[in-house]
Amino acid sequence: MLELINVNPGSGDPIYRQLSEQVVRLIVGGQLEAEQVLPSVRQMAEHLSVNPMTVSRAIQQLVEQGWLERRRGQPTRVARRESSEKTSGAKLLKPQVDDLLSQAKQLGISQDELMELIERCW
């Protein structure tokens, strides 16, 4: 799991947010399954070369949102989610797609040009 997560300290987004968003994507994408145990905060912090408090903040946020669960004396696990609570990957990407469309319109890029660019990058 650790090899699937990376953070960019130079990014405008706080590291804890980058980490929490990536964990949600891994859950929604099926790379992390319900009940799967996550590495410890210390292990994640060491792997990402960040402060353990940063990792702890991201984990706590995900616990509060219902993505992860913590039980005293046990490792953090991916929470079970009801099918009605499942989030689609498309729903998670919508804000970035909206930003992309806005930028494309500002740059005068047509829908066909944008679709061609996406196809090439895919």
C-alpha atoms as a PDB file:
ATOM      1  CA  MET A   1       0.000   0.000   0.000  1.00  0.00           C
ATOM      2  CA  LEU A   2       2.780   2.447   0.881  1.00  0.00           C
ATOM      3  CA  GLU A   3       4.201   2.277  -2.634  1.00  0.00           C
ATOM      4  CA  LEU A   4       0.857   3.573  -3.970  1.00  0.00           C
ATOM      5  CA  ILE A   5       1.018   6.782  -1.929  1.00  0.00           C
ATOM      6  CA  ASN A   6       3.279   9.743  -2.474  1.00  0.00           C
ATOM      7  CA  VAL A   7       3.130  13.358  -1.414  1.00  0.00           C
ATOM      8  CA  ASN A   8       4.534  16.511  -2.940  1.00  0.00           C
ATOM      9  CA  PRO A   9       5.728  18.967  -0.275  1.00  0.00           C
ATOM     10  CA  GLY A  10       5.999  21.671  -2.953  1.00  0.00           C
ATOM     11  CA  SER A  11       2.337  21.371  -3.860  1.00  0.00           C
ATOM     12  CA  GLY A  12      -0.109  24.040  -2.790  1.00  0.00           C
ATOM     13  CA  ASP A  13      -2.180  21.395  -0.982  1.00  0.00           C
ATOM     14  CA  PRO A  14      -1.280  20.522   2.600  1.00  0.00           C
ATOM     15  CA  ILE A  15       0.421  17.132   2.942  1.00  0.00           C
ATOM     16  CA  TYR A  16      -2.300  15.755   5.244  1.00  0.00           C
ATOM     17  CA  ARG A  17      -4.906  16.561   2.566  1.00  0.00           C
ATOM     18  CA  GLN A  18      -2.837  14.963  -0.198  1.00  0.00           C
ATOM     19  CA  LEU A  19      -2.494  11.851   1.932  1.00  0.00           C
ATOM     20  CA  SER A  20      -6.162  11.629   2.868  1.00  0.00           C
ATOM     21  CA  GLU A  21      -7.320  12.179  -0.735  1.00  0.00           C
ATOM     22  CA  GLN A  22      -5.004   9.444  -1.995  1.00  0.00           C
ATOM     23  CA  VAL A  23      -6.243   6.971   0.627  1.00  0.00           C
ATOM     24  CA  VAL A  24      -9.861   7.714  -0.377  1.00  0.00           C
ATOM     25  CA  ARG A  25      -8.962   7.133  -4.027  1.00  0.00           C
ATOM     26  CA  LEU A  26      -7.336   3.806  -3.141  1.00  0.00           C
ATOM     27  CA  ILE A  27     -10.466   2.756  -1.251  1.00  0.00           C
ATOM     28  CA  VAL A  28     -12.858   3.840  -4.005  1.00  0.00           C
ATOM     29  CA  GLY A  29     -10.610   2.305  -6.665  1.00  0.00           C
ATOM     30  CA  GLY A  30     -10.576  -1.028  -4.836  1.00  0.00           C
ATOM     31  CA  GLN A  31      -6.842  -1.133  -4.066  1.00  0.00           C
ATOM     32  CA  LEU A  32      -7.743  -0.934  -0.357  1.00  0.00           C
ATOM     33  CA  GLU A  33     -10.554  -3.226   0.686  1.00  0.00           C
ATOM     34  CA  ALA A  34     -12.851  -3.191   3.708  1.00  0.00           C
ATOM     35  CA  GLU A  35     -11.152  -4.474   6.870  1.00  0.00           C
ATOM     36  CA  GLN A  36      -7.692  -4.164   5.294  1.00  0.00           C
ATOM     37  CA  VAL A  37      -5.106  -3.090   7.865  1.00  0.00           C
ATOM     38  CA  LEU A  38      -3.141   0.084   7.170  1.00  0.00           C
ATOM     39  CA  PRO A  39       0.524   0.540   8.051  1.00  0.00           C
ATOM     40  CA  SER A  40       1.167   2.346  11.327  1.00  0.00           C
ATOM     41  CA  VAL A  41       1.365   6.131  11.464  1.00  0.00           C
ATOM     42  CA  ARG A  42       5.078   5.819  12.153  1.00  0.00           C
ATOM     43  CA  GLN A  43       5.629   3.541   9.133  1.00  0.00           C
ATOM     44  CA  MET A  44       3.709   5.875   6.815  1.00  0.00           C
ATOM     45  CA  ALA A  45       5.523   8.947   8.121  1.00  0.00           C
ATOM     46  CA  GLU A  46       8.883   7.275   7.639  1.00  0.00           C
ATOM     47  CA  HIS A  47       8.022   6.105   4.111  1.00  0.00           C
ATOM     48  CA  LEU A  48       6.749   9.552   3.077  1.00  0.00           C
ATOM     49  CA  SER A  49       9.457  11.451   5.000  1.00  0.00           C
ATOM     50  CA  VAL A  50       6.883  13.568   6.822  1.00  0.00           C
ATOM     51  CA  ASN A  51       6.061  14.336  10.434  1.00  0.00           C
ATOM     52  CA  PRO A  52       4.012  11.591  12.148  1.00  0.00           C
ATOM     53  CA  MET A  53       1.554  14.258  13.325  1.00  0.00           C
ATOM     54  CA  THR A  54       0.796  15.052   9.685  1.00  0.00           C
ATOM     55  CA  VAL A  55      -0.051  11.407   8.993  1.00  0.00           C
ATOM     56  CA  SER A  56      -2.049  11.208  12.218  1.00  0.00           C
ATOM     57  CA  ARG A  57      -4.094  14.247  11.181  1.00  0.00           C
ATOM     58  CA  ALA A  58      -4.924  12.664   7.813  1.00  0.00           C
ATOM     59  CA  ILE A  59      -5.882   9.371   9.452  1.00  0.00           C
ATOM     60  CA  GLN A  60      -8.076  11.115  12.019  1.00  0.00           C
ATOM     61  CA  GLN A  61      -9.842  13.053   9.267  1.00  0.00           C
ATOM     62  CA  LEU A  62     -10.540   9.801   7.410  1.00  0.00           C
ATOM     63  CA  VAL A  63     -11.842   8.175  10.588  1.00  0.00           C
ATOM     64  CA  GLU A  64     -14.201  11.111  11.141  1.00  0.00           C
ATOM     65  CA  GLN A  65     -15.424  10.836   7.530  1.00  0.00           C
ATOM     66  CA  GLY A  66     -16.069   7.108   7.939  1.00  0.00           C
ATOM     67  CA  TRP A  67     -13.397   5.857   5.527  1.00  0.00           C
ATOM     68  CA  LEU A  68     -11.224   4.293   8.242  1.00  0.00           C
ATOM     69  CA  GLU A  69     -11.843   2.916  11.702  1.00  0.00           C
ATOM     70  CA  ARG A  70      -9.694   2.790  14.788  1.00  0.00           C
ATOM     71  CA  ARG A  71     -10.146   0.488  17.744  1.00  0.00           C
ATOM     72  CA  ARG A  72      -8.069   0.762  20.877  1.00  0.00           C
ATOM     73  CA  GLY A  73      -5.157  -1.664  20.779  1.00  0.00           C
ATOM     74  CA  GLN A  74      -5.740  -2.614  17.130  1.00  0.00           C
ATOM     75  CA  PRO A  75      -4.338  -1.277  13.878  1.00  0.00           C
ATOM     76  CA  THR A  76      -6.263   1.195  11.747  1.00  0.00           C
ATOM     77  CA  ARG A  77      -8.447  -0.536   9.154  1.00  0.00           C
ATOM     78  CA  VAL A  78     -10.471   0.392   6.125  1.00  0.00           C
ATOM     79  CA  ALA A  79     -14.077   0.784   7.289  1.00  0.00           C
ATOM     80  CA  ARG A  80     -16.902  -1.279   5.882  1.00  0.00           C
ATOM     81  CA  ARG A  81     -19.237   0.905   3.850  1.00  0.00           C
ATOM     82  CA  GLU A  82     -22.789   0.150   2.852  1.00  0.00           C
ATOM     83  CA  SER A  83     -23.433   0.011  -0.877  1.00  0.00           C
ATOM     84  CA  SER A  84     -25.584   3.136  -0.528  1.00  0.00           C
ATOM     85  CA  GLU A  85     -22.541   4.963   0.905  1.00  0.00           C
ATOM     86  CA  LYS A  86     -20.187   3.961  -1.890  1.00  0.00           C
ATOM     87  CA  THR A  87     -18.583   6.864  -3.690  1.00  0.00           C
ATOM     88  CA  SER A  88     -17.792   6.603  -7.374  1.00  0.00           C
ATOM     89  CA  GLY A  89     -14.427   7.543  -8.790  1.00  0.00           C
ATOM     90  CA  ALA A  90     -16.172   9.888 -11.209  1.00  0.00           C
ATOM     91  CA  LYS A  91     -17.720  11.781  -8.295  1.00  0.00           C
ATOM     92  CA  LEU A  92     -14.283  12.206  -6.716  1.00  0.00           C
ATOM     93  CA  LEU A  93     -12.814  13.538  -9.964  1.00  0.00           C
ATOM     94  CA  LYS A  94     -15.609  16.015 -10.715  1.00  0.00           C
ATOM     95  CA  PRO A  95     -13.899  19.041  -9.065  1.00  0.00           C
ATOM     96  CA  GLN A  96     -10.696  18.446 -11.046  1.00  0.00           C
ATOM     97  CA  VAL A  97     -12.675  17.980 -14.264  1.00  0.00           C
ATOM     98  CA  ASP A  98     -14.524  21.236 -13.604  1.00  0.00           C
ATOM     99  CA  ASP A  99     -11.173  22.987 -13.126  1.00  0.00           C
ATOM    100  CA  LEU A 100      -9.791  21.439 -16.303  1.00  0.00           C
ATOM    101  CA  LEU A 101     -12.822  22.543 -18.334  1.00  0.00           C
ATOM    102  CA  SER A 102     -12.614  26.049 -16.940  1.00  0.00           C
ATOM    103  CA  GLN A 103      -8.923  26.303 -17.831  1.00  0.00           C
ATOM    104  CA  ALA A 104      -9.505  24.874 -21.314  1.00  0.00           C
ATOM    105  CA  LYS A 105     -12.242  27.432 -21.981  1.00  0.00           C
ATOM    106  CA  GLN A 106      -9.995  30.256 -20.765  1.00  0.00           C
ATOM    107  CA  LEU A 107      -7.271  29.065 -23.131  1.00  0.00           C
ATOM    108  CA  GLY A 108      -9.695  28.806 -26.044  1.00  0.00           C
ATOM    109  CA  ILE A 109      -9.282  25.042 -26.410  1.00  0.00           C
ATOM    110  CA  SER A 110     -12.222  23.374 -28.140  1.00  0.00           C
ATOM    111  CA  GLN A 111     -13.958  20.308 -26.779  1.00  0.00           C
ATOM    112  CA  ASP A 112     -12.527  18.233 -29.639  1.00  0.00           C
ATOM    113  CA  GLU A 113      -8.985  19.456 -28.900  1.00  0.00           C
ATOM    114  CA  LEU A 114      -9.419  18.688 -25.212  1.00  0.00           C
ATOM    115  CA  MET A 115     -10.775  15.199 -25.929  1.00  0.00           C
ATOM    116  CA  GLU A 116      -7.859  14.543 -28.273  1.00  0.00           C
ATOM    117  CA  LEU A 117      -5.411  15.651 -25.581  1.00  0.00           C
ATOM    118  CA  ILE A 118      -7.072  13.391 -23.008  1.00  0.00           C
ATOM    119  CA  GLU A 119      -6.961  10.450 -25.436  1.00  0.00           C
ATOM    120  CA  ARG A 120      -3.229  11.004 -26.085  1.00  0.00           C
ATOM    121  CA  CYS A 121      -2.477  11.261 -22.367  1.00  0.00           C
ATOM    122  CA  TRP A 122      -4.598   8.229 -21.469  1.00  0.00           C
END
